Amino acid sequence: HDGQNLFDPNAAFGGQTWKAADALDNGAE
């Protein structure tokens, strides 16, 4: 949920994202 908060600081609430791509990239690697 709250998809605008997952990746892009320009779209995220308060400019703070979940850094979801980093979590998944690092976990796969």
Full PDB file with SEQRES, HELIX, SHEET, SSBOND, CRYST1, ORIGX, SCALE, CONECT and MASTER records, all heavy atoms in Angstrom:
SEQRES   1 A   29  HIS ASP GLY GLN ASN LEU PHE ASP PRO ASN ALA ALA PHE          
SEQRES   2 A   29  GLY GLY GLN THR TRP LYS ALA ALA ASP ALA LEU ASP ASN          
SEQRES   3 A   29  GLY ALA GLU                                                  
HELIX    1 AA1 GLY A    3  ASN A    5  5                                   3    
HELIX    2 AA2 PHE A   13  GLY A   15  5                                   3    
HELIX    3 AA3 ALA A   20  ALA A   28  1                                   9    
CRYST1    1.000    1.000    1.000  90.00  90.00  90.00 P 1           1          
ORIGX1      1.000000  0.000000  0.000000        0.00000                         
ORIGX2      0.000000  1.000000  0.000000        0.00000                         
ORIGX3      0.000000  0.000000  1.000000        0.00000                         
SCALE1      1.000000  0.000000  0.000000        0.00000                         
SCALE2      0.000000  1.000000  0.000000        0.00000                         
SCALE3      0.000000  0.000000  1.000000        0.00000                         
ATOM      1  N   HIS A   1       0.835  -1.193   0.000  1.00  0.00           N  
ATOM      2  CA  HIS A   1       0.000   0.000   0.000  1.00  0.00           C  
ATOM      3  C   HIS A   1       0.882   1.261   0.000  1.00  0.00           C  
ATOM      4  O   HIS A   1       2.097   1.186   0.139  1.00  0.00           O  
ATOM      5  CB  HIS A   1      -0.902   0.001   1.232  1.00  0.00           C  
ATOM      6  CG  HIS A   1      -1.552  -1.315   1.517  1.00  0.00           C  
ATOM      7  ND1 HIS A   1      -2.573  -1.831   0.736  1.00  0.00           N  
ATOM      8  CD2 HIS A   1      -1.319  -2.240   2.482  1.00  0.00           C  
ATOM      9  CE1 HIS A   1      -2.957  -2.999   1.224  1.00  0.00           C  
ATOM     10  NE2 HIS A   1      -2.201  -3.271   2.277  1.00  0.00           N  
ATOM     11  N   ASP A   2       0.235   2.417  -0.136  1.00  0.00           N  
ATOM     12  CA  ASP A   2       0.943   3.708  -0.090  1.00  0.00           C  
ATOM     13  C   ASP A   2       2.088   3.738  -1.101  1.00  0.00           C  
ATOM     14  O   ASP A   2       3.226   4.087  -0.785  1.00  0.00           O  
ATOM     15  CB  ASP A   2       1.476   3.984   1.316  1.00  0.00           C  
ATOM     16  CG  ASP A   2       0.365   4.084   2.354  1.00  0.00           C  
ATOM     17  OD1 ASP A   2      -0.590   4.851   2.123  1.00  0.00           O  
ATOM     18  OD2 ASP A   2       0.460   3.405   3.393  1.00  0.00           O  
ATOM     19  N   GLY A   3       1.765   3.361  -2.348  1.00  0.00           N  
ATOM     20  CA  GLY A   3       2.798   3.165  -3.358  1.00  0.00           C  
ATOM     21  C   GLY A   3       3.675   4.364  -3.619  1.00  0.00           C  
ATOM     22  O   GLY A   3       4.848   4.212  -3.991  1.00  0.00           O  
ATOM     23  N   GLN A   4       3.177   5.594  -3.416  1.00  0.00           N  
ATOM     24  CA  GLN A   4       4.004   6.767  -3.688  1.00  0.00           C  
ATOM     25  C   GLN A   4       5.143   6.924  -2.690  1.00  0.00           C  
ATOM     26  O   GLN A   4       6.069   7.716  -2.920  1.00  0.00           O  
ATOM     27  CB  GLN A   4       3.157   8.041  -3.725  1.00  0.00           C  
ATOM     28  CG  GLN A   4       2.413   8.377  -2.438  1.00  0.00           C  
ATOM     29  CD  GLN A   4       0.993   7.875  -2.446  1.00  0.00           C  
ATOM     30  OE1 GLN A   4       0.757   6.670  -2.539  1.00  0.00           O  
ATOM     31  NE2 GLN A   4       0.030   8.785  -2.359  1.00  0.00           N  
ATOM     32  N   ASN A   5       5.105   6.154  -1.593  1.00  0.00           N  
ATOM     33  CA  ASN A   5       6.154   6.264  -0.575  1.00  0.00           C  
ATOM     34  C   ASN A   5       7.280   5.247  -0.752  1.00  0.00           C  
ATOM     35  O   ASN A   5       8.216   5.228   0.046  1.00  0.00           O  
ATOM     36  CB  ASN A   5       5.552   6.075   0.818  1.00  0.00           C  
ATOM     37  CG  ASN A   5       4.600   7.188   1.199  1.00  0.00           C  
ATOM     38  OD1 ASN A   5       4.688   8.299   0.676  1.00  0.00           O  
ATOM     39  ND2 ASN A   5       3.682   6.894   2.100  1.00  0.00           N  
ATOM     40  N   LEU A   6       7.225   4.408  -1.762  1.00  0.00           N  
ATOM     41  CA  LEU A   6       8.129   3.264  -1.836  1.00  0.00           C  
ATOM     42  C   LEU A   6       9.490   3.584  -2.449  1.00  0.00           C  
ATOM     43  O   LEU A   6      10.513   3.059  -2.000  1.00  0.00           O  
ATOM     44  CB  LEU A   6       7.471   2.133  -2.630  1.00  0.00           C  
ATOM     45  CG  LEU A   6       6.159   1.596  -2.062  1.00  0.00           C  
ATOM     46  CD1 LEU A   6       5.566   0.556  -2.991  1.00  0.00           C  
ATOM     47  CD2 LEU A   6       6.372   1.028  -0.665  1.00  0.00           C  
ATOM     48  N   PHE A   7       9.530   4.437  -3.478  1.00  0.00           N  
ATOM     49  CA  PHE A   7      10.752   4.585  -4.273  1.00  0.00           C  
ATOM     50  C   PHE A   7      11.247   6.027  -4.430  1.00  0.00           C  
ATOM     51  O   PHE A   7      12.443   6.276  -4.333  1.00  0.00           O  
ATOM     52  CB  PHE A   7      10.522   4.026  -5.688  1.00  0.00           C  
ATOM     53  CG  PHE A   7       9.968   2.641  -5.732  1.00  0.00           C  
ATOM     54  CD1 PHE A   7       8.656   2.413  -6.114  1.00  0.00           C  
ATOM     55  CD2 PHE A   7      10.765   1.546  -5.403  1.00  0.00           C  
ATOM     56  CE1 PHE A   7       8.147   1.128  -6.169  1.00  0.00           C  
ATOM     57  CE2 PHE A   7      10.255   0.263  -5.454  1.00  0.00           C  
ATOM     58  CZ  PHE A   7       8.945   0.047  -5.837  1.00  0.00           C  
ATOM     59  N   ASP A   8      10.352   6.938  -4.720  1.00  0.00           N  
ATOM     60  CA  ASP A   8      10.722   8.275  -5.207  1.00  0.00           C  
ATOM     61  C   ASP A   8      10.568   9.314  -4.103  1.00  0.00           C  
ATOM     62  O   ASP A   8       9.443   9.595  -3.671  1.00  0.00           O  
ATOM     63  CB  ASP A   8       9.838   8.637  -6.405  1.00  0.00           C  
ATOM     64  CG  ASP A   8      10.251   9.935  -7.073  1.00  0.00           C  
ATOM     65  OD1 ASP A   8      11.114  10.644  -6.535  1.00  0.00           O  
ATOM     66  OD2 ASP A   8       9.700  10.233  -8.157  1.00  0.00           O  
ATOM     67  N   PRO A   9      11.667   9.925  -3.640  1.00  0.00           N  
ATOM     68  CA  PRO A   9      11.554  10.938  -2.581  1.00  0.00           C  
ATOM     69  C   PRO A   9      10.744  12.153  -3.005  1.00  0.00           C  
ATOM     70  O   PRO A   9      10.212  12.871  -2.154  1.00  0.00           O  
ATOM     71  CB  PRO A   9      13.013  11.299  -2.276  1.00  0.00           C  
ATOM     72  CG  PRO A   9      13.795  10.831  -3.443  1.00  0.00           C  
ATOM     73  CD  PRO A   9      13.064   9.665  -4.004  1.00  0.00           C  
ATOM     74  N   ASN A  10      10.631  12.404  -4.307  1.00  0.00           N  
ATOM     75  CA  ASN A  10       9.835  13.532  -4.776  1.00  0.00           C  
ATOM     76  C   ASN A  10       8.340  13.277  -4.626  1.00  0.00           C  
ATOM     77  O   ASN A  10       7.543  14.220  -4.624  1.00  0.00           O  
ATOM     78  CB  ASN A  10      10.154  13.834  -6.244  1.00  0.00           C  
ATOM     79  CG  ASN A  10      11.574  14.301  -6.441  1.00  0.00           C  
ATOM     80  OD1 ASN A  10      12.054  15.164  -5.713  1.00  0.00           O  
ATOM     81  ND2 ASN A  10      12.270  13.717  -7.406  1.00  0.00           N  
ATOM     82  N   ALA A  11       7.961  12.019  -4.514  1.00  0.00           N  
ATOM     83  CA  ALA A  11       6.550  11.663  -4.361  1.00  0.00           C  
ATOM     84  C   ALA A  11       6.211  11.242  -2.938  1.00  0.00           C  
ATOM     85  O   ALA A  11       5.044  11.285  -2.541  1.00  0.00           O  
ATOM     86  CB  ALA A  11       6.188  10.537  -5.327  1.00  0.00           C  
ATOM     87  N   ALA A  12       7.211  10.825  -2.165  1.00  0.00           N  
ATOM     88  CA  ALA A  12       6.969  10.228  -0.852  1.00  0.00           C  
ATOM     89  C   ALA A  12       6.582  11.279   0.188  1.00  0.00           C  
ATOM     90  O   ALA A  12       6.985  12.441   0.127  1.00  0.00           O  
ATOM     91  CB  ALA A  12       8.219   9.482  -0.387  1.00  0.00           C  
ATOM     92  N   PHE A  13       5.826  10.834   1.174  1.00  0.00           N  
ATOM     93  CA  PHE A  13       5.428  11.688   2.290  1.00  0.00           C  
ATOM     94  C   PHE A  13       6.668  12.176   3.033  1.00  0.00           C  
ATOM     95  O   PHE A  13       7.494  11.377   3.486  1.00  0.00           O  
ATOM     96  CB  PHE A  13       4.525  10.894   3.249  1.00  0.00           C  
ATOM     97  CG  PHE A  13       4.085  11.669   4.452  1.00  0.00           C  
ATOM     98  CD1 PHE A  13       3.108  12.635   4.341  1.00  0.00           C  
ATOM     99  CD2 PHE A  13       4.658  11.431   5.697  1.00  0.00           C  
ATOM    100  CE1 PHE A  13       2.693  13.360   5.457  1.00  0.00           C  
ATOM    101  CE2 PHE A  13       4.255  12.143   6.822  1.00  0.00           C  
ATOM    102  CZ  PHE A  13       3.266  13.122   6.695  1.00  0.00           C  
ATOM    103  N   GLY A  14       6.828  13.481   3.116  1.00  0.00           N  
ATOM    104  CA  GLY A  14       7.979  14.058   3.802  1.00  0.00           C  
ATOM    105  C   GLY A  14       9.302  13.804   3.102  1.00  0.00           C  
ATOM    106  O   GLY A  14      10.364  14.047   3.680  1.00  0.00           O  
ATOM    107  N   GLY A  15       9.255  13.314   1.866  1.00  0.00           N  
ATOM    108  CA  GLY A  15      10.484  13.044   1.133  1.00  0.00           C  
ATOM    109  C   GLY A  15      11.216  11.791   1.573  1.00  0.00           C  
ATOM    110  O   GLY A  15      12.307  11.500   1.076  1.00  0.00           O  
ATOM    111  N   GLN A  16      10.602  11.025   2.487  1.00  0.00           N  
ATOM    112  CA  GLN A  16      11.259   9.824   3.024  1.00  0.00           C  
ATOM    113  C   GLN A  16      10.631   8.580   2.421  1.00  0.00           C  
ATOM    114  O   GLN A  16       9.451   8.302   2.640  1.00  0.00           O  
ATOM    115  CB  GLN A  16      11.120   9.773   4.544  1.00  0.00           C  
ATOM    116  CG  GLN A  16      11.682   8.514   5.189  1.00  0.00           C  
ATOM    117  CD  GLN A  16      13.168   8.357   4.965  1.00  0.00           C  
ATOM    118  OE1 GLN A  16      13.932   9.298   5.193  1.00  0.00           O  
ATOM    119  NE2 GLN A  16      13.600   7.182   4.539  1.00  0.00           N  
ATOM    120  N   THR A  17      11.400   7.813   1.639  1.00  0.00           N  
ATOM    121  CA  THR A  17      10.865   6.599   1.021  1.00  0.00           C  
ATOM    122  C   THR A  17      11.167   5.369   1.877  1.00  0.00           C  
ATOM    123  O   THR A  17      11.961   5.414   2.816  1.00  0.00           O  
ATOM    124  CB  THR A  17      11.460   6.371  -0.376  1.00  0.00           C  
ATOM    125  OG1 THR A  17      12.782   5.831  -0.257  1.00  0.00           O  
ATOM    126  CG2 THR A  17      11.492   7.656  -1.180  1.00  0.00           C  
ATOM    127  N   TRP A  18      10.561   4.264   1.462  1.00  0.00           N  
ATOM    128  CA  TRP A  18      10.817   2.969   2.095  1.00  0.00           C  
ATOM    129  C   TRP A  18      12.107   2.321   1.575  1.00  0.00           C  
ATOM    130  O   TRP A  18      12.485   1.264   2.056  1.00  0.00           O  
ATOM    131  CB  TRP A  18       9.657   2.026   1.804  1.00  0.00           C  
ATOM    132  CG  TRP A  18       8.423   2.260   2.609  1.00  0.00           C  
ATOM    133  CD1 TRP A  18       7.704   3.425   2.695  1.00  0.00           C  
ATOM    134  CD2 TRP A  18       7.746   1.316   3.420  1.00  0.00           C  
ATOM    135  NE1 TRP A  18       6.611   3.233   3.502  1.00  0.00           N  
ATOM    136  CE2 TRP A  18       6.613   1.948   3.962  1.00  0.00           C  
ATOM    137  CE3 TRP A  18       7.969  -0.020   3.720  1.00  0.00           C  
ATOM    138  CZ2 TRP A  18       5.713   1.303   4.804  1.00  0.00           C  
ATOM    139  CZ3 TRP A  18       7.077  -0.683   4.562  1.00  0.00           C  
ATOM    140  CH2 TRP A  18       5.973  -0.017   5.100  1.00  0.00           C  
ATOM    141  N   LYS A  19      12.725   2.925   0.567  1.00  0.00           N  
ATOM    142  CA  LYS A  19      13.929   2.359  -0.062  1.00  0.00           C  
ATOM    143  C   LYS A  19      13.683   0.905  -0.469  1.00  0.00           C  
ATOM    144  O   LYS A  19      14.524   0.020  -0.293  1.00  0.00           O  
ATOM    145  CB  LYS A  19      15.127   2.464   0.883  1.00  0.00           C  
ATOM    146  CG  LYS A  19      15.435   3.899   1.301  1.00  0.00           C  
ATOM    147  CD  LYS A  19      16.619   3.988   2.260  1.00  0.00           C  
ATOM    148  CE  LYS A  19      16.879   5.434   2.658  1.00  0.00           C  
ATOM    149  NZ  LYS A  19      17.991   5.550   3.628  1.00  0.00           N  
ATOM    150  N   ALA A  20      12.497   0.699  -1.049  1.00  0.00           N  
ATOM    151  CA  ALA A  20      12.071  -0.665  -1.368  1.00  0.00           C  
ATOM    152  C   ALA A  20      12.938  -1.305  -2.435  1.00  0.00           C  
ATOM    153  O   ALA A  20      13.237  -2.502  -2.370  1.00  0.00           O  
ATOM    154  CB  ALA A  20      10.607  -0.648  -1.799  1.00  0.00           C  
ATOM    155  N   ALA A  21      13.339  -0.526  -3.452  1.00  0.00           N  
ATOM    156  CA  ALA A  21      14.183  -1.096  -4.499  1.00  0.00           C  
ATOM    157  C   ALA A  21      15.529  -1.525  -3.936  1.00  0.00           C  
ATOM    158  O   ALA A  21      16.068  -2.576  -4.307  1.00  0.00           O  
ATOM    159  CB  ALA A  21      14.370  -0.088  -5.632  1.00  0.00           C  
ATOM    160  N   ASP A  22      16.102  -0.715  -3.043  1.00  0.00           N  
ATOM    161  CA  ASP A  22      17.378  -1.081  -2.430  1.00  0.00           C  
ATOM    162  C   ASP A  22      17.245  -2.379  -1.647  1.00  0.00           C  
ATOM    163  O   ASP A  22      18.120  -3.257  -1.703  1.00  0.00           O  
ATOM    164  CB  ASP A  22      17.861   0.031  -1.486  1.00  0.00           C  
ATOM    165  CG  ASP A  22      18.262   1.297  -2.232  1.00  0.00           C  
ATOM    166  OD1 ASP A  22      18.515   1.218  -3.447  1.00  0.00           O  
ATOM    167  OD2 ASP A  22      18.319   2.363  -1.590  1.00  0.00           O  
ATOM    168  N   ALA A  23      16.142  -2.516  -0.890  1.00  0.00           N  
ATOM    169  CA  ALA A  23      15.947  -3.727  -0.091  1.00  0.00           C  
ATOM    170  C   ALA A  23      15.885  -4.963  -0.976  1.00  0.00           C  
ATOM    171  O   ALA A  23      16.512  -5.989  -0.680  1.00  0.00           O  
ATOM    172  CB  ALA A  23      14.671  -3.598   0.742  1.00  0.00           C  
ATOM    173  N   LEU A  24      15.137  -4.870  -2.086  1.00  0.00           N  
ATOM    174  CA  LEU A  24      14.985  -6.034  -2.952  1.00  0.00           C  
ATOM    175  C   LEU A  24      16.245  -6.303  -3.774  1.00  0.00           C  
ATOM    176  O   LEU A  24      16.644  -7.458  -3.952  1.00  0.00           O  
ATOM    177  CB  LEU A  24      13.782  -5.837  -3.862  1.00  0.00           C  
ATOM    178  CG  LEU A  24      12.427  -5.862  -3.150  1.00  0.00           C  
ATOM    179  CD1 LEU A  24      11.305  -5.452  -4.092  1.00  0.00           C  
ATOM    180  CD2 LEU A  24      12.137  -7.230  -2.554  1.00  0.00           C  
ATOM    181  N   ASP A  25      16.889  -5.248  -4.271  1.00  0.00           N  
ATOM    182  CA  ASP A  25      18.142  -5.436  -5.018  1.00  0.00           C  
ATOM    183  C   ASP A  25      19.203  -6.076  -4.140  1.00  0.00           C  
ATOM    184  O   ASP A  25      19.858  -7.057  -4.534  1.00  0.00           O  
ATOM    185  CB  ASP A  25      18.665  -4.093  -5.540  1.00  0.00           C  
ATOM    186  CG  ASP A  25      17.877  -3.555  -6.712  1.00  0.00           C  
ATOM    187  OD1 ASP A  25      17.095  -4.311  -7.306  1.00  0.00           O  
ATOM    188  OD2 ASP A  25      18.033  -2.360  -7.027  1.00  0.00           O  
ATOM    189  N   ASN A  26      19.394  -5.509  -2.943  1.00  0.00           N  
ATOM    190  CA  ASN A  26      20.436  -6.031  -2.048  1.00  0.00           C  
ATOM    191  C   ASN A  26      20.117  -7.442  -1.590  1.00  0.00           C  
ATOM    192  O   ASN A  26      21.012  -8.290  -1.460  1.00  0.00           O  
ATOM    193  CB  ASN A  26      20.597  -5.106  -0.835  1.00  0.00           C  
ATOM    194  CG  ASN A  26      21.124  -3.732  -1.207  1.00  0.00           C  
ATOM    195  OD1 ASN A  26      21.764  -3.566  -2.253  1.00  0.00           O  
ATOM    196  ND2 ASN A  26      20.857  -2.750  -0.381  1.00  0.00           N  
ATOM    197  N   GLY A  27      18.846  -7.727  -1.347  1.00  0.00           N  
ATOM    198  CA  GLY A  27      18.464  -9.066  -0.919  1.00  0.00           C  
ATOM    199  C   GLY A  27      18.674 -10.106  -1.997  1.00  0.00           C  
ATOM    200  O   GLY A  27      19.057 -11.246  -1.710  1.00  0.00           O  
ATOM    201  N   ALA A  28      18.431  -9.728  -3.261  1.00  0.00           N  
ATOM    202  CA  ALA A  28      18.649 -10.665  -4.358  1.00  0.00           C  
ATOM    203  C   ALA A  28      20.121 -10.886  -4.623  1.00  0.00           C  
ATOM    204  O   ALA A  28      20.534 -11.959  -5.072  1.00  0.00           O  
ATOM    205  CB  ALA A  28      17.958 -10.157  -5.624  1.00  0.00           C  
ATOM    206  N   GLU A  29      20.939  -9.890  -4.326  1.00  0.00           N  
ATOM    207  CA  GLU A  29      22.356  -9.934  -4.683  1.00  0.00           C  
ATOM    208  C   GLU A  29      23.219 -10.606  -3.619  1.00  0.00           C  
ATOM    209  O   GLU A  29      24.304 -11.114  -3.915  1.00  0.00           O  
ATOM    210  CB  GLU A  29      22.851  -8.500  -4.925  1.00  0.00           C  
ATOM    211  CG  GLU A  29      24.252  -8.371  -5.479  1.00  0.00           C  
ATOM    212  CD  GLU A  29      24.348  -8.810  -6.931  1.00  0.00           C  
ATOM    213  OE1 GLU A  29      23.296  -9.103  -7.550  1.00  0.00           O  
ATOM    214  OE2 GLU A  29      25.479  -8.874  -7.438  1.00  0.00           O  
TER     215      GLU A  29                                                      
MASTER        0    0    0    3    0    0    0    6  214    1    0    3          
END                                                                             
